Amino acid sequence: MADKSYLDWPFFTPAHAALEQSLDAWASQHVRDAHGKDVDAACRQLVRQLGEGGWLEHAVAPGDGPIDTRAICLVRETLARHSGLADFAFAMQGLGSGAISLFGSTDNRARYLPRVAKGESIAAFALSEPQAGSDVAAMQCAAVPDGDSYVLNGEKTWISNGGIADFYVVFARTGEQPGARGISAFIVDADTPGFEIAERIEVIAPHPLARLRFDKCRVPASARLGEAGQGFKVAMATLDVFRTSVAAAALGFARRAFDEALAHAKSRKMFGQTLADFQLTQAKLAEMATGIDACALLTYRAAWQRDQGRKVTMEAAMAKMSATETAQRVIDAAVQMFGGLGVVSEHPVERLYREIRALRIYEGATEVQQLIIARELLRDATPPKKD
């Protein structure tokens, strides 16, 4: 990627720019797309490599400070330009352990986070259910107190890293209050009796994904994250960090597609000139570039605001919605520009076309982001004064 002038934006410190440049150089040497390989094995290998390289340290909160949201976003954007699976491997280490970083006890943080950061343990975040995706209040998986333990029963689905994770942060109904206010979060180790992988799920951009089942699965009360009944708060605080990073991943996909399209347009000969000489092509490239910059501004505004300790529910939703939808359009335009080559299996833009589609759904579909943005706007709106 030739143009990295965005690293000079006031959202970033010199340390952030150095991080991106170092990671980009490292990824150029170590990251390869996993087409044709065992995806589980490739994901495990990437987690180990990212841990050994020190990059996963940015996915967890350090012992003496908060999570650096801008660093997470820069890492995801950079990895996404190189490999969708590498971005996934990093992101899930962060999302899967994020609730422990934010709400874990001293013992739980010491037990799990160092191993996550070293790539020695694989993390997963288990919120969605067959009938409770965006509607978290419809959750049916239950955790019943029993002495110094909780007993979990129910299912989770669409769980990334399902089948390869060493532990799962699981959200279950504990019933302190109705709806979303009666949910708690728990750490469940993969070898806990009563826990099983019920089904592996295949999707168009392969990565480890599964349906989980809990049948009289007993976990200690010390495995609970935060207070009883505060699981929705735990989930939303975690998603506020990583929802912004989904926008960054989409931005990475869009930048890669744009770079591929720009290089192709300048070299593709047709009708005695290059594809780039056509005004239609120039108009499309201008539209793609403008959309990418607009999304980058929204994404890093949200990341910067969170790092300043501000509430970013609306800003993160705006970034996620705008970046994923724009990246879909940019990648589609790149596929169109490549013509037949754009739909050849494992061509870079064909892979990007499959990779981007899920980002418009997971961690809150575009329609959910619209509802979040409108809710925040209406909450702060002042009714007109009556005469």
Protein backbone atom coordinates (compact mmCIF):
# COMPACT_ATOMS: atom_id res chain seq x y z
CA MET A 1 0.00 0.00 0.00
CA ALA A 2 1.69 3.17 -1.20
CA ASP A 3 -0.34 5.94 0.49
CA LYS A 4 -0.20 5.85 4.27
CA SER A 5 -0.67 9.55 4.85
CA TYR A 6 -3.62 8.77 7.12
CA LEU A 7 -1.09 7.76 9.78
CA ASP A 8 -0.29 11.48 10.13
CA TRP A 9 -3.87 12.28 11.16
CA PRO A 10 -4.19 13.79 14.65
CA PHE A 11 -6.04 10.67 15.86
CA PHE A 12 -2.70 8.86 16.07
CA THR A 13 0.51 9.14 18.07
CA PRO A 14 3.95 8.37 16.60
CA ALA A 15 3.74 5.03 18.42
CA HIS A 16 0.59 4.12 16.47
CA ALA A 17 2.27 4.92 13.15
CA ALA A 18 5.30 2.84 14.14
CA LEU A 19 3.02 -0.04 15.10
CA GLU A 20 1.34 -0.08 11.69
CA GLN A 21 4.61 0.13 9.81
CA SER A 22 6.22 -2.67 11.85
CA LEU A 23 3.20 -4.94 11.54
CA ASP A 24 2.90 -4.33 7.80
CA ALA A 25 6.52 -5.35 7.32
CA TRP A 26 6.08 -8.42 9.54
CA ALA A 27 2.87 -9.50 7.81
CA SER A 28 4.52 -9.22 4.39
CA GLN A 29 7.00 -11.86 5.55
CA HIS A 30 4.83 -14.15 7.69
CA VAL A 31 1.18 -13.99 6.62
CA ARG A 32 -0.16 -16.00 3.71
CA ASP A 33 -3.77 -16.70 2.76
CA ALA A 34 -4.86 -20.17 3.78
CA HIS A 35 -6.66 -21.22 0.59
CA GLY A 36 -6.76 -24.97 0.19
CA LYS A 37 -5.51 -25.61 3.72
CA ASP A 38 -7.07 -27.02 6.88
CA VAL A 39 -8.70 -23.84 8.22
CA ASP A 40 -8.58 -24.95 11.87
CA ALA A 41 -4.87 -25.71 11.61
CA ALA A 42 -4.21 -22.47 9.72
CA CYS A 43 -6.03 -20.46 12.38
CA ARG A 44 -4.11 -22.13 15.21
CA GLN A 45 -0.86 -21.43 13.38
CA LEU A 46 -1.76 -17.77 12.87
CA VAL A 47 -2.61 -17.36 16.56
CA ARG A 48 0.78 -18.83 17.48
CA GLN A 49 2.58 -16.61 14.98
CA LEU A 50 0.76 -13.47 16.12
CA GLY A 51 1.55 -14.36 19.73
CA GLU A 52 5.21 -15.03 19.03
CA GLY A 53 5.44 -11.77 17.09
CA GLY A 54 4.06 -9.85 20.08
CA TRP A 55 1.04 -8.57 18.15
CA LEU A 56 -1.59 -10.21 20.36
CA GLU A 57 -0.45 -8.07 23.27
CA HIS A 58 -2.49 -5.31 21.62
CA ALA A 59 -5.65 -7.45 21.81
CA VAL A 60 -5.75 -7.55 25.62
CA ALA A 61 -5.65 -4.86 28.27
CA PRO A 62 -2.17 -4.43 29.78
CA GLY A 63 -1.86 -4.94 33.50
CA ASP A 64 -1.30 -1.23 34.12
CA GLY A 65 -3.75 0.35 31.72
CA PRO A 66 -6.80 0.22 29.43
CA ILE A 67 -7.22 -1.35 26.01
CA ASP A 68 -5.80 0.84 23.22
CA THR A 69 -8.68 0.90 20.73
CA ARG A 70 -6.69 2.71 18.05
CA ALA A 71 -3.96 0.08 18.22
CA ILE A 72 -6.53 -2.71 17.85
CA CYS A 73 -8.05 -0.96 14.84
CA LEU A 74 -4.69 -0.39 13.16
CA VAL A 75 -3.71 -4.02 13.69
CA ARG A 76 -7.00 -5.26 12.24
CA GLU A 77 -6.87 -2.93 9.26
CA THR A 78 -3.29 -3.94 8.48
CA LEU A 79 -3.87 -7.69 8.88
CA ALA A 80 -7.08 -7.50 6.82
CA ARG A 81 -5.13 -6.05 3.90
CA HIS A 82 -2.90 -9.15 3.99
CA SER A 83 -5.29 -11.95 4.98
CA GLY A 84 -8.87 -12.22 6.16
CA LEU A 85 -8.02 -15.23 8.34
CA ALA A 86 -5.12 -13.40 10.00
CA ASP A 87 -7.46 -10.54 10.86
CA PHE A 88 -9.98 -13.07 12.19
CA ALA A 89 -7.35 -14.81 14.35
CA PHE A 90 -6.31 -11.52 15.95
CA ALA A 91 -9.85 -10.18 16.36
CA MET A 92 -11.17 -13.26 18.12
CA GLN A 93 -8.31 -13.27 20.60
CA GLY A 94 -9.40 -9.75 21.48
CA LEU A 95 -13.17 -10.24 21.42
CA GLY A 96 -12.99 -13.61 23.16
CA SER A 97 -10.90 -12.23 26.01
CA GLY A 98 -12.21 -8.64 25.99
CA ALA A 99 -14.74 -9.23 28.74
CA ILE A 100 -11.96 -10.65 30.93
CA SER A 101 -9.80 -7.59 30.18
CA LEU A 102 -12.66 -5.27 31.14
CA PHE A 103 -14.46 -7.14 33.93
CA GLY A 104 -12.33 -10.10 35.02
CA SER A 105 -11.11 -10.59 38.55
CA THR A 106 -7.40 -10.31 39.26
CA ASP A 107 -7.16 -14.11 39.31
CA ASN A 108 -9.02 -14.57 36.03
CA ARG A 109 -6.98 -11.89 34.30
CA ALA A 110 -3.77 -13.53 35.48
CA ARG A 111 -4.96 -17.00 34.46
CA TYR A 112 -6.19 -16.23 30.93
CA LEU A 113 -4.83 -12.99 29.51
CA PRO A 114 -1.09 -13.77 29.41
CA ARG A 115 -1.76 -17.02 27.54
CA VAL A 116 -4.05 -15.21 25.09
CA ALA A 117 -1.38 -12.58 24.48
CA LYS A 118 1.27 -15.23 23.84
CA GLY A 119 -0.97 -17.19 21.46
CA GLU A 120 -0.95 -20.18 23.81
CA SER A 121 -4.72 -20.15 24.44
CA ILE A 122 -7.45 -19.49 21.88
CA ALA A 123 -10.44 -17.42 23.02
CA ALA A 124 -14.09 -17.28 21.91
CA PHE A 125 -17.11 -15.04 22.60
CA ALA A 126 -20.42 -16.90 22.91
CA LEU A 127 -23.43 -14.56 22.83
CA SER A 128 -25.70 -15.52 19.91
CA GLU A 129 -28.31 -18.28 20.05
CA PRO A 130 -30.58 -19.90 17.44
CA GLN A 131 -33.41 -17.52 18.41
CA ALA A 132 -31.37 -14.71 19.97
CA GLY A 133 -28.91 -12.93 17.72
CA SER A 134 -29.52 -9.20 17.59
CA ASP A 135 -32.32 -9.65 20.15
CA VAL A 136 -30.16 -10.47 23.18
CA ALA A 137 -33.18 -10.23 25.51
CA ALA A 138 -34.58 -13.39 23.86
CA MET A 139 -31.67 -15.46 25.21
CA GLN A 140 -32.66 -18.91 26.50
CA CYS A 141 -29.36 -20.40 27.65
CA ALA A 142 -29.64 -20.41 31.45
CA ALA A 143 -27.22 -20.50 34.37
CA VAL A 144 -28.70 -21.56 37.71
CA PRO A 145 -26.79 -20.93 40.98
CA ASP A 146 -25.97 -24.11 42.87
CA GLY A 147 -23.82 -23.63 45.95
CA ASP A 148 -20.51 -22.11 44.91
CA SER A 149 -21.18 -22.91 41.24
CA TYR A 150 -23.52 -22.20 38.35
CA VAL A 151 -25.06 -24.91 36.16
CA LEU A 152 -25.45 -23.97 32.49
CA ASN A 153 -28.00 -25.47 30.10
CA GLY A 154 -28.77 -24.39 26.54
CA GLU A 155 -27.14 -23.65 23.19
CA LYS A 156 -25.11 -20.98 21.44
CA THR A 157 -24.59 -20.69 17.70
CA TRP A 158 -22.53 -18.79 15.12
CA ILE A 159 -19.66 -18.89 17.58
CA SER A 160 -16.36 -17.94 15.98
CA ASN A 161 -13.43 -20.14 17.06
CA GLY A 162 -16.02 -22.74 18.03
CA GLY A 163 -14.27 -26.09 17.99
CA ILE A 164 -10.73 -24.78 18.41
CA ALA A 165 -11.04 -22.40 21.39
CA ASP A 166 -9.51 -23.29 24.75
CA PHE A 167 -12.13 -21.23 26.60
CA TYR A 168 -15.38 -19.40 25.87
CA VAL A 169 -16.92 -16.28 27.42
CA VAL A 170 -20.54 -17.43 27.61
CA PHE A 171 -23.60 -15.28 28.29
CA ALA A 172 -26.52 -16.96 30.04
CA ARG A 173 -29.79 -15.97 31.66
CA THR A 174 -29.53 -15.83 35.46
CA GLY A 175 -32.92 -14.16 35.99
CA GLU A 176 -32.17 -11.28 38.35
CA GLN A 177 -34.52 -9.10 36.29
CA PRO A 178 -36.57 -9.57 33.09
CA GLY A 179 -35.05 -9.24 29.64
CA ALA A 180 -31.49 -8.13 29.06
CA ARG A 181 -31.03 -7.12 32.69
CA GLY A 182 -31.11 -10.73 33.89
CA ILE A 183 -28.06 -12.07 32.02
CA SER A 184 -24.59 -12.89 33.37
CA ALA A 185 -21.25 -13.70 31.74
CA PHE A 186 -19.07 -16.71 32.54
CA ILE A 187 -15.73 -18.17 31.48
CA VAL A 188 -16.17 -21.80 30.39
CA ASP A 189 -13.09 -23.88 29.67
CA ALA A 190 -13.40 -26.12 26.62
CA ASP A 191 -12.77 -29.28 28.66
CA THR A 192 -15.54 -28.57 31.19
CA PRO A 193 -17.89 -31.61 31.58
CA GLY A 194 -21.31 -30.91 30.06
CA PHE A 195 -19.93 -28.68 27.33
CA GLU A 196 -19.72 -29.94 23.74
CA ILE A 197 -19.43 -28.80 20.14
CA ALA A 198 -22.84 -29.70 18.75
CA GLU A 199 -22.14 -28.77 15.11
CA ARG A 200 -19.46 -27.20 12.96
CA ILE A 201 -20.77 -24.56 10.55
CA GLU A 202 -19.34 -23.89 7.07
CA VAL A 203 -19.57 -20.38 5.60
CA ILE A 204 -18.49 -18.73 2.34
CA ALA A 205 -15.30 -17.27 3.83
CA PRO A 206 -14.06 -20.27 5.83
CA HIS A 207 -13.10 -19.85 9.46
CA PRO A 208 -13.75 -21.91 12.61
CA LEU A 209 -17.43 -21.59 13.49
CA ALA A 210 -19.72 -23.80 15.57
CA ARG A 211 -22.91 -24.39 17.51
CA LEU A 212 -22.27 -25.08 21.21
CA ARG A 213 -24.32 -27.12 23.66
CA PHE A 214 -24.36 -26.96 27.46
CA ASP A 215 -25.93 -29.85 29.37
CA LYS A 216 -25.63 -29.58 33.15
CA CYS A 217 -22.34 -27.78 32.61
CA ARG A 218 -21.02 -26.70 36.00
CA VAL A 219 -18.70 -23.71 36.35
CA PRO A 220 -17.43 -22.08 39.56
CA ALA A 221 -18.98 -18.81 40.67
CA SER A 222 -15.49 -17.33 40.41
CA ALA A 223 -15.79 -17.76 36.63
CA ARG A 224 -18.50 -15.10 36.49
CA LEU A 225 -17.41 -11.81 34.92
CA GLY A 226 -18.79 -8.73 36.64
CA GLU A 227 -21.85 -8.74 38.86
CA ALA A 228 -24.74 -11.17 38.52
CA GLY A 229 -27.31 -9.81 36.09
CA GLN A 230 -24.80 -7.42 34.49
CA GLY A 231 -23.95 -9.64 31.49
CA PHE A 232 -25.61 -7.31 28.99
CA LYS A 233 -23.41 -4.48 30.25
CA VAL A 234 -20.37 -6.76 29.93
CA ALA A 235 -21.31 -7.70 26.36
CA MET A 236 -22.02 -4.14 25.23
CA ALA A 237 -18.83 -2.74 26.75
CA THR A 238 -16.84 -5.44 24.97
CA LEU A 239 -18.63 -4.82 21.68
CA ASP A 240 -18.08 -1.06 21.94
CA VAL A 241 -14.35 -1.79 21.62
CA PHE A 242 -14.50 -4.45 18.97
CA ARG A 243 -17.41 -3.09 16.91
CA THR A 244 -15.15 -0.20 15.96
CA SER A 245 -12.45 -2.69 15.02
CA VAL A 246 -14.88 -4.45 12.64
CA ALA A 247 -15.02 -1.14 10.79
CA ALA A 248 -11.21 -1.15 10.69
CA ALA A 249 -11.14 -4.66 9.23
CA ALA A 250 -13.64 -3.61 6.55
CA LEU A 251 -11.39 -0.64 5.86
CA GLY A 252 -8.43 -3.00 5.37
CA PHE A 253 -10.42 -5.13 2.93
CA ALA A 254 -11.51 -2.02 1.02
CA ARG A 255 -7.96 -0.63 0.81
CA ARG A 256 -6.66 -3.94 -0.56
CA ALA A 257 -9.44 -4.09 -3.15
CA PHE A 258 -8.77 -0.48 -4.16
CA ASP A 259 -5.03 -1.11 -4.52
CA GLU A 260 -5.71 -4.18 -6.67
CA ALA A 261 -8.22 -2.27 -8.82
CA LEU A 262 -5.96 0.76 -9.25
CA ALA A 263 -2.99 -1.35 -10.34
CA HIS A 264 -5.17 -3.35 -12.73
CA ALA A 265 -6.75 -0.24 -14.24
CA LYS A 266 -3.34 1.25 -15.00
CA SER A 267 -2.01 -1.92 -16.66
CA ARG A 268 -5.06 -3.42 -18.43
CA LYS A 269 -4.91 -2.66 -22.17
CA MET A 270 -8.12 -2.28 -24.11
CA PHE A 271 -9.22 -0.41 -27.25
CA GLY A 272 -5.77 1.09 -27.71
CA GLN A 273 -5.51 2.56 -24.23
CA THR A 274 -5.61 1.43 -20.60
CA LEU A 275 -8.69 0.82 -18.50
CA ALA A 276 -7.65 3.81 -16.37
CA ASP A 277 -7.95 6.14 -19.39
CA PHE A 278 -11.73 5.71 -19.50
CA GLN A 279 -13.72 8.37 -17.67
CA LEU A 280 -16.09 5.74 -16.31
CA THR A 281 -13.14 4.03 -14.63
CA GLN A 282 -11.82 7.33 -13.28
CA ALA A 283 -15.22 8.18 -11.81
CA LYS A 284 -15.44 4.79 -10.11
CA LEU A 285 -11.91 5.08 -8.68
CA ALA A 286 -12.73 8.55 -7.33
CA GLU A 287 -15.87 7.23 -5.68
CA MET A 288 -13.99 4.29 -4.14
CA ALA A 289 -11.19 6.48 -2.77
CA THR A 290 -13.60 9.03 -1.29
CA GLY A 291 -15.66 6.33 0.41
CA ILE A 292 -12.55 4.76 1.94
CA ASP A 293 -11.32 8.06 3.38
CA ALA A 294 -14.77 8.92 4.77
CA CYS A 295 -14.97 5.56 6.53
CA ALA A 296 -11.43 5.87 7.86
CA LEU A 297 -12.35 9.21 9.45
CA LEU A 298 -15.45 7.73 11.10
CA THR A 299 -13.57 4.65 12.26
CA TYR A 300 -10.64 6.43 13.85
CA ARG A 301 -12.85 9.13 15.32
CA ALA A 302 -14.70 6.40 17.24
CA ALA A 303 -11.46 4.69 18.27
CA TRP A 304 -9.89 7.99 19.40
CA GLN A 305 -13.00 8.99 21.37
CA ARG A 306 -13.06 5.68 23.21
CA ASP A 307 -9.39 6.04 24.07
CA GLN A 308 -10.25 9.44 25.57
CA GLY A 309 -12.72 7.70 27.87
CA ARG A 310 -15.83 8.94 26.09
CA LYS A 311 -19.00 6.99 25.35
CA VAL A 312 -18.89 5.80 21.73
CA THR A 313 -22.04 3.72 21.28
CA MET A 314 -23.33 5.90 18.43
CA GLU A 315 -19.93 6.65 16.91
CA ALA A 316 -18.94 2.96 16.87
CA ALA A 317 -22.26 2.07 15.23
CA MET A 318 -21.77 4.78 12.59
CA ALA A 319 -18.26 3.53 11.86
CA LYS A 320 -19.28 -0.11 11.65
CA MET A 321 -22.27 0.57 9.43
CA SER A 322 -20.50 2.99 7.10
CA ALA A 323 -17.25 1.02 6.73
CA THR A 324 -18.81 -2.38 6.10
CA GLU A 325 -21.38 -1.08 3.62
CA THR A 326 -18.81 1.07 1.80
CA ALA A 327 -16.27 -1.76 1.69
CA GLN A 328 -18.90 -4.00 0.10
CA ARG A 329 -19.41 -1.40 -2.66
CA VAL A 330 -15.67 -0.84 -3.13
CA ILE A 331 -14.96 -4.56 -3.41
CA ASP A 332 -17.88 -5.10 -5.77
CA ALA A 333 -16.54 -2.30 -7.98
CA ALA A 334 -13.09 -3.94 -7.94
CA VAL A 335 -14.58 -7.29 -9.00
CA GLN A 336 -16.41 -5.54 -11.83
CA MET A 337 -13.24 -3.77 -12.93
CA PHE A 338 -11.38 -7.09 -13.17
CA GLY A 339 -14.15 -8.61 -15.28
CA GLY A 340 -13.92 -12.40 -15.54
CA LEU A 341 -10.74 -12.50 -13.47
CA GLY A 342 -12.67 -10.99 -10.58
CA VAL A 343 -14.77 -14.11 -10.10
CA VAL A 344 -11.98 -16.67 -10.47
CA SER A 345 -11.75 -18.69 -7.27
CA GLU A 346 -9.04 -17.42 -4.89
CA HIS A 347 -8.25 -14.32 -6.92
CA PRO A 348 -7.57 -11.55 -4.35
CA VAL A 349 -10.74 -9.58 -5.14
CA GLU A 350 -12.84 -12.76 -5.23
CA ARG A 351 -11.61 -13.66 -1.74
CA LEU A 352 -12.36 -10.14 -0.55
CA TYR A 353 -15.86 -10.39 -2.01
CA ARG A 354 -16.53 -13.42 0.19
CA GLU A 355 -14.73 -12.00 3.24
CA ILE A 356 -16.62 -8.71 3.41
CA ARG A 357 -20.13 -10.11 3.35
CA ALA A 358 -20.13 -11.43 6.91
CA LEU A 359 -18.90 -8.14 8.34
CA ARG A 360 -22.20 -6.51 7.43
CA ILE A 361 -23.91 -9.02 9.74
CA TYR A 362 -21.73 -10.00 12.70
CA GLU A 363 -21.41 -7.89 15.86
CA GLY A 364 -24.68 -6.25 14.91
CA ALA A 365 -26.10 -6.19 11.38
CA THR A 366 -26.31 -2.90 9.49
CA GLU A 367 -30.00 -2.60 10.36
CA VAL A 368 -29.18 -2.95 14.06
CA GLN A 369 -26.56 -0.21 13.76
CA GLN A 370 -29.22 2.04 12.23
CA LEU A 371 -31.49 1.41 15.22
CA ILE A 372 -28.64 2.11 17.66
CA ILE A 373 -27.76 5.39 15.95
CA ALA A 374 -31.40 6.52 15.86
CA ARG A 375 -31.94 5.53 19.50
CA GLU A 376 -28.94 7.58 20.62
CA LEU A 377 -30.02 10.57 18.54
CA LEU A 378 -33.58 10.48 19.84
CA ARG A 379 -32.43 10.05 23.44
CA ASP A 380 -30.43 13.28 23.26
CA ALA A 381 -32.92 15.26 21.17
CA THR A 382 -34.68 18.16 22.87
CA PRO A 383 -38.44 18.40 22.18
CA PRO A 384 -39.57 21.75 20.74
CA LYS A 385 -40.91 24.24 23.25
CA LYS A 386 -44.65 24.81 23.20
CA ASP A 387 -45.89 28.35 22.70
